[in-house]
Protein backbone atom coordinates (compact mmCIF):
# COMPACT_ATOMS: atom_id res chain seq x y z
CA MET A 1 96.68 -1.01 -45.66
CA ASN A 2 94.82 2.26 -44.66
CA VAL A 3 98.02 2.98 -42.11
CA ILE A 4 100.39 3.05 -44.48
CA ASN A 5 97.73 4.54 -47.36
CA SER A 6 97.16 7.67 -44.87
CA SER A 7 100.41 7.97 -43.47
CA SER A 8 101.43 8.31 -47.89
CA ASP A 9 99.04 10.85 -48.00
CA ASN A 10 100.15 13.02 -44.76
CA LYS A 11 103.93 12.68 -46.69
CA ARG A 12 102.43 14.37 -49.71
CA GLU A 13 100.45 16.74 -48.14
CA PHE A 14 103.50 17.51 -46.48
CA ASN A 15 105.84 17.97 -49.01
CA LEU A 16 103.31 19.46 -51.19
CA GLU A 17 102.13 22.35 -49.09
CA SER A 18 106.58 22.67 -48.09
CA LEU A 19 106.76 23.16 -52.43
CA PHE A 20 104.18 26.07 -52.19
CA ALA A 21 105.48 27.33 -49.35
CA LEU A 22 109.03 27.31 -50.98
CA PHE A 23 107.57 28.63 -54.36
CA LYS A 24 105.60 31.56 -51.74
CA LYS A 25 109.53 32.19 -50.62
CA LEU A 26 111.03 32.62 -54.00
CA PHE A 27 107.57 34.43 -55.71
CA LEU A 28 108.15 36.83 -53.08
CA LEU A 29 112.65 36.97 -52.48
CA LEU A 30 112.15 37.62 -56.56
CA ILE A 31 109.68 40.63 -55.96
CA ALA A 32 111.74 42.18 -53.30
CA GLY A 33 115.00 41.20 -55.20
CA GLY A 34 112.59 43.52 -57.93
CA VAL A 35 111.68 46.42 -56.79
CA ILE A 36 115.15 46.61 -54.99
CA ALA A 37 117.10 46.42 -58.64
CA ALA A 38 114.60 48.99 -60.11
CA PHE A 39 114.90 51.37 -56.43
CA LEU A 40 119.10 51.84 -57.51
CA PHE A 41 119.27 50.53 -61.45
CA ASN A 42 116.85 52.68 -63.20
CA GLU A 43 117.08 56.23 -64.37
CA ARG A 44 115.76 58.03 -60.80
CA GLY A 45 117.75 55.45 -58.59
CA LEU A 46 120.00 55.30 -55.96
CA ILE A 47 123.16 54.91 -58.60
CA SER A 48 122.21 58.36 -60.80
CA TRP A 49 120.50 60.32 -58.16
CA TYR A 50 124.42 59.81 -56.49
CA LYS A 51 126.25 60.04 -60.15
CA TYR A 52 123.84 63.14 -60.60
CA SER A 53 125.18 64.80 -56.61
CA MET A 54 128.74 63.98 -57.42
CA GLU A 55 128.32 66.03 -60.87
CA ARG A 56 126.25 68.58 -59.21
CA GLU A 57 129.09 69.58 -56.87
CA ARG A 58 131.39 69.50 -59.29
CA ILE A 59 129.56 72.00 -61.26
CA GLU A 60 129.15 74.23 -58.13
CA SER A 61 132.34 74.44 -57.69
CA GLU A 62 133.63 74.94 -60.90
CA LEU A 63 131.28 77.38 -60.94
CA ASP A 64 132.75 78.69 -57.58
CA SER A 65 136.20 79.39 -58.98
CA LEU A 66 135.11 80.97 -61.89
CA HIS A 67 133.27 83.59 -60.38
CA ALA A 68 136.28 84.25 -58.70
CA VAL A 69 138.13 84.50 -61.38
CA GLU A 70 135.59 87.19 -63.32
CA SER A 71 136.02 89.19 -60.19
CA ALA A 72 139.60 89.76 -60.54
CA LEU A 73 138.81 90.40 -63.92
CA ARG A 74 136.29 92.85 -62.58
CA THR A 75 139.10 94.48 -60.65
CA GLU A 76 142.05 94.67 -63.43
CA ILE A 77 139.57 96.47 -65.83
CA GLU A 78 138.97 98.86 -63.20
CA LYS A 79 142.87 99.03 -62.55
CA LEU A 80 143.56 99.77 -66.02
CA LYS A 81 140.13 101.97 -66.48
CA PHE A 82 141.61 104.28 -63.09
CA ALA A 83 144.98 103.85 -62.63
CA PRO A 84 147.73 105.46 -64.65
CA GLU A 85 150.08 103.76 -62.75
CA TYR A 86 148.87 100.52 -62.89
CA LEU A 87 148.43 101.21 -66.32
CA GLU A 88 152.44 102.08 -66.98
CA LYS A 89 153.56 99.72 -64.83
CA LEU A 90 151.87 96.81 -66.72
CA ALA A 91 153.16 98.44 -70.36
CA ARG A 92 156.87 98.46 -68.30
CA GLU A 93 156.86 95.12 -66.73
CA LYS A 94 155.16 93.18 -69.21
CA TYR A 95 155.78 94.56 -72.80
CA GLY A 96 159.25 96.22 -72.00
CA MET A 97 157.80 99.71 -72.53
CA ALA A 98 159.10 102.62 -71.15
CA LYS A 99 158.36 106.55 -70.88
CA LYS A 100 160.83 108.88 -73.41
CA GLY A 101 164.43 109.34 -72.15
CA GLU A 102 164.35 106.39 -69.53
CA LYS A 103 166.64 103.55 -70.22
CA VAL A 104 165.77 99.85 -70.77
CA TYR A 105 168.27 97.24 -68.96
CA LYS A 106 167.43 93.75 -70.07
CA VAL A 107 168.94 91.26 -67.87
CA ILE A 108 169.14 87.85 -69.52
CA PRO A 109 170.28 85.25 -67.45
CA LYS A 110 173.70 83.29 -67.53
CA GLU A 111 172.27 79.86 -68.41
CA GLU A 112 170.41 81.39 -71.57
CA ALA A 113 173.49 83.99 -72.45
CA GLU A 114 176.05 80.88 -72.35
CA ASP A 115 173.71 78.54 -74.82
CA LYS A 116 173.08 81.42 -77.17
CA GLU A 117 177.20 81.58 -77.53
């Protein structure tokens, strides 16, 4: 009887040890999963960092294009202030103005002339 009983106790010990090892592994896996999830998904995590990085690149690109527009506008202002021939050209082309004694001819495309008739 002792032999059978010892074998049964060994099986119980083995089952308890393997069950304890399994729970230990699961616990460590859950802890590691939680740490990884916190690293990825919290407000300062990797995914948020990536989103902020992409947003920063977009804003920097937009800022560069706005600097280019600003530079072009400053050049335009300087031309308007200090180049009277440029101002005259702009007045003629954009606003249809003319000097005294000049005649202004307006060319109407053929399609528009047909639409008016």
